[in-house]
Amino acid sequence: MIMAQRKDIDAMRRSRDVDGLILALSDPEEIVRQTAAEALGLVGDERAIEPLARLKFLDPDAGVRRAASLAHTQVAARLAGQRAVGGLK
């Protein structure tokens, strides 16, 4: 079952289903939450900022918190880069 869930997360990442990935952050399985956080970091959508910020402090699993922290940094950096480029125009 977990392998199927991880494949679902990968499919959501490829299709950029940010809402589905955010929903997966509340899955009972740590590996699903961790994989969803990693996928959100790769997608880089600003809708993920708040859910990742909560997860990086509140998840009971250290691996999930680390993944959420890294993903949060990736999304924030992407947004900062977009704003910087937008400000140069």
C-alpha atoms as a PDB file:
ATOM      1  CA  MET A   1       0.000   0.000   0.000  1.00  0.00           C
ATOM      2  CA  ILE A   2       2.785   2.479   0.837  1.00  0.00           C
ATOM      3  CA  MET A   3       4.470   1.902  -2.536  1.00  0.00           C
ATOM      4  CA  ALA A   4       1.199   2.761  -4.271  1.00  0.00           C
ATOM      5  CA  GLN A   5       0.900   5.925  -2.184  1.00  0.00           C
ATOM      6  CA  ARG A   6       4.470   6.932  -3.101  1.00  0.00           C
ATOM      7  CA  LYS A   7       3.643   6.400  -6.775  1.00  0.00           C
ATOM      8  CA  ASP A   8       0.561   8.569  -6.305  1.00  0.00           C
ATOM      9  CA  ILE A   9       2.752  11.300  -4.817  1.00  0.00           C
ATOM     10  CA  ASP A  10       5.114  11.037  -7.782  1.00  0.00           C
ATOM     11  CA  ALA A  11       2.171  11.321 -10.174  1.00  0.00           C
ATOM     12  CA  MET A  12       0.923  14.383  -8.279  1.00  0.00           C
ATOM     13  CA  ARG A  13       4.395  15.939  -8.476  1.00  0.00           C
ATOM     14  CA  ARG A  14       4.627  15.336 -12.225  1.00  0.00           C
ATOM     15  CA  SER A  15       1.163  16.822 -12.800  1.00  0.00           C
ATOM     16  CA  ARG A  16       1.897  19.672 -10.356  1.00  0.00           C
ATOM     17  CA  ASP A  17      -1.136  18.758  -8.212  1.00  0.00           C
ATOM     18  CA  VAL A  18      -0.225  21.069  -5.352  1.00  0.00           C
ATOM     19  CA  ASP A  19      -3.573  20.642  -3.581  1.00  0.00           C
ATOM     20  CA  GLY A  20      -3.208  16.861  -3.609  1.00  0.00           C
ATOM     21  CA  LEU A  21       0.359  17.080  -2.308  1.00  0.00           C
ATOM     22  CA  ILE A  22      -0.687  19.448   0.470  1.00  0.00           C
ATOM     23  CA  LEU A  23      -3.431  17.005   1.428  1.00  0.00           C
ATOM     24  CA  ALA A  24      -0.835  14.207   1.565  1.00  0.00           C
ATOM     25  CA  LEU A  25       1.081  16.167   4.230  1.00  0.00           C
ATOM     26  CA  SER A  26      -1.542  14.988   6.724  1.00  0.00           C
ATOM     27  CA  ASP A  27      -1.292  11.283   5.804  1.00  0.00           C
ATOM     28  CA  PRO A  28      -0.791   8.968   8.810  1.00  0.00           C
ATOM     29  CA  GLU A  29       2.296   7.379   7.184  1.00  0.00           C
ATOM     30  CA  GLU A  30       5.562   9.261   7.754  1.00  0.00           C
ATOM     31  CA  ILE A  31       7.023   8.225   4.397  1.00  0.00           C
ATOM     32  CA  VAL A  32       4.011   9.637   2.569  1.00  0.00           C
ATOM     33  CA  ARG A  33       4.262  12.975   4.411  1.00  0.00           C
ATOM     34  CA  GLN A  34       8.008  13.107   3.794  1.00  0.00           C
ATOM     35  CA  THR A  35       7.673  12.276   0.093  1.00  0.00           C
ATOM     36  CA  ALA A  36       4.878  14.838  -0.302  1.00  0.00           C
ATOM     37  CA  ALA A  37       7.019  17.529   1.359  1.00  0.00           C
ATOM     38  CA  GLU A  38       9.938  16.706  -0.936  1.00  0.00           C
ATOM     39  CA  ALA A  39       7.642  16.864  -3.969  1.00  0.00           C
ATOM     40  CA  LEU A  40       6.276  20.247  -2.908  1.00  0.00           C
ATOM     41  CA  GLY A  41       9.829  21.547  -2.656  1.00  0.00           C
ATOM     42  CA  LEU A  42      10.466  20.457  -6.223  1.00  0.00           C
ATOM     43  CA  VAL A  43       7.210  21.925  -7.521  1.00  0.00           C
ATOM     44  CA  GLY A  44       7.928  25.227  -5.774  1.00  0.00           C
ATOM     45  CA  ASP A  45       4.387  26.581  -5.653  1.00  0.00           C
ATOM     46  CA  GLU A  46       3.757  29.380  -3.163  1.00  0.00           C
ATOM     47  CA  ARG A  47       0.585  27.653  -1.876  1.00  0.00           C
ATOM     48  CA  ALA A  48       2.896  25.174  -0.133  1.00  0.00           C
ATOM     49  CA  ILE A  49       4.660  27.775   2.044  1.00  0.00           C
ATOM     50  CA  GLU A  50       2.236  27.767   4.995  1.00  0.00           C
ATOM     51  CA  PRO A  51       1.578  23.991   5.128  1.00  0.00           C
ATOM     52  CA  LEU A  52       5.321  23.284   4.937  1.00  0.00           C
ATOM     53  CA  ALA A  53       6.047  25.886   7.626  1.00  0.00           C
ATOM     54  CA  ARG A  54       3.586  24.171   9.974  1.00  0.00           C
ATOM     55  CA  LEU A  55       4.908  20.709   9.165  1.00  0.00           C
ATOM     56  CA  LYS A  56       8.549  21.609   9.734  1.00  0.00           C
ATOM     57  CA  PHE A  57       7.761  22.532  13.341  1.00  0.00           C
ATOM     58  CA  LEU A  58       4.838  20.314  14.268  1.00  0.00           C
ATOM     59  CA  ASP A  59       5.306  16.886  12.681  1.00  0.00           C
ATOM     60  CA  PRO A  60       6.209  14.201  15.234  1.00  0.00           C
ATOM     61  CA  ASP A  61       8.746  12.582  12.853  1.00  0.00           C
ATOM     62  CA  ALA A  62      12.207  14.184  12.562  1.00  0.00           C
ATOM     63  CA  GLY A  63      12.657  13.006   8.963  1.00  0.00           C
ATOM     64  CA  VAL A  64       9.394  14.633   7.936  1.00  0.00           C
ATOM     65  CA  ARG A  65      10.359  17.851   9.744  1.00  0.00           C
ATOM     66  CA  ARG A  66      13.717  17.894   7.916  1.00  0.00           C
ATOM     67  CA  ALA A  67      12.067  17.274   4.538  1.00  0.00           C
ATOM     68  CA  ALA A  68       9.492  19.995   5.208  1.00  0.00           C
ATOM     69  CA  SER A  69      12.201  22.431   6.283  1.00  0.00           C
ATOM     70  CA  LEU A  70      14.243  21.815   3.139  1.00  0.00           C
ATOM     71  CA  ALA A  71      11.139  22.014   0.930  1.00  0.00           C
ATOM     72  CA  HIS A  72      10.073  25.252   2.630  1.00  0.00           C
ATOM     73  CA  THR A  73      13.514  26.718   1.906  1.00  0.00           C
ATOM     74  CA  GLN A  74      13.325  25.579  -1.731  1.00  0.00           C
ATOM     75  CA  VAL A  75       9.910  27.166  -2.257  1.00  0.00           C
ATOM     76  CA  ALA A  76      10.908  30.391  -0.490  1.00  0.00           C
ATOM     77  CA  ALA A  77      14.099  30.647  -2.550  1.00  0.00           C
ATOM     78  CA  ARG A  78      12.183  30.102  -5.790  1.00  0.00           C
ATOM     79  CA  LEU A  79       9.683  32.805  -4.830  1.00  0.00           C
ATOM     80  CA  ALA A  80      12.453  35.211  -3.862  1.00  0.00           C
ATOM     81  CA  GLY A  81      14.158  34.579  -7.193  1.00  0.00           C
ATOM     82  CA  GLN A  82      10.936  35.233  -9.091  1.00  0.00           C
ATOM     83  CA  ARG A  83      10.383  38.473  -7.190  1.00  0.00           C
ATOM     84  CA  ALA A  84      13.960  39.578  -7.838  1.00  0.00           C
ATOM     85  CA  VAL A  85      13.631  38.917 -11.558  1.00  0.00           C
ATOM     86  CA  GLY A  86      10.263  40.676 -11.602  1.00  0.00           C
ATOM     87  CA  GLY A  87      11.806  43.691  -9.888  1.00  0.00           C
ATOM     88  CA  LEU A  88      14.517  43.954 -12.544  1.00  0.00           C
ATOM     89  CA  LYS A  89      12.059  44.476 -15.376  1.00  0.00           C
END
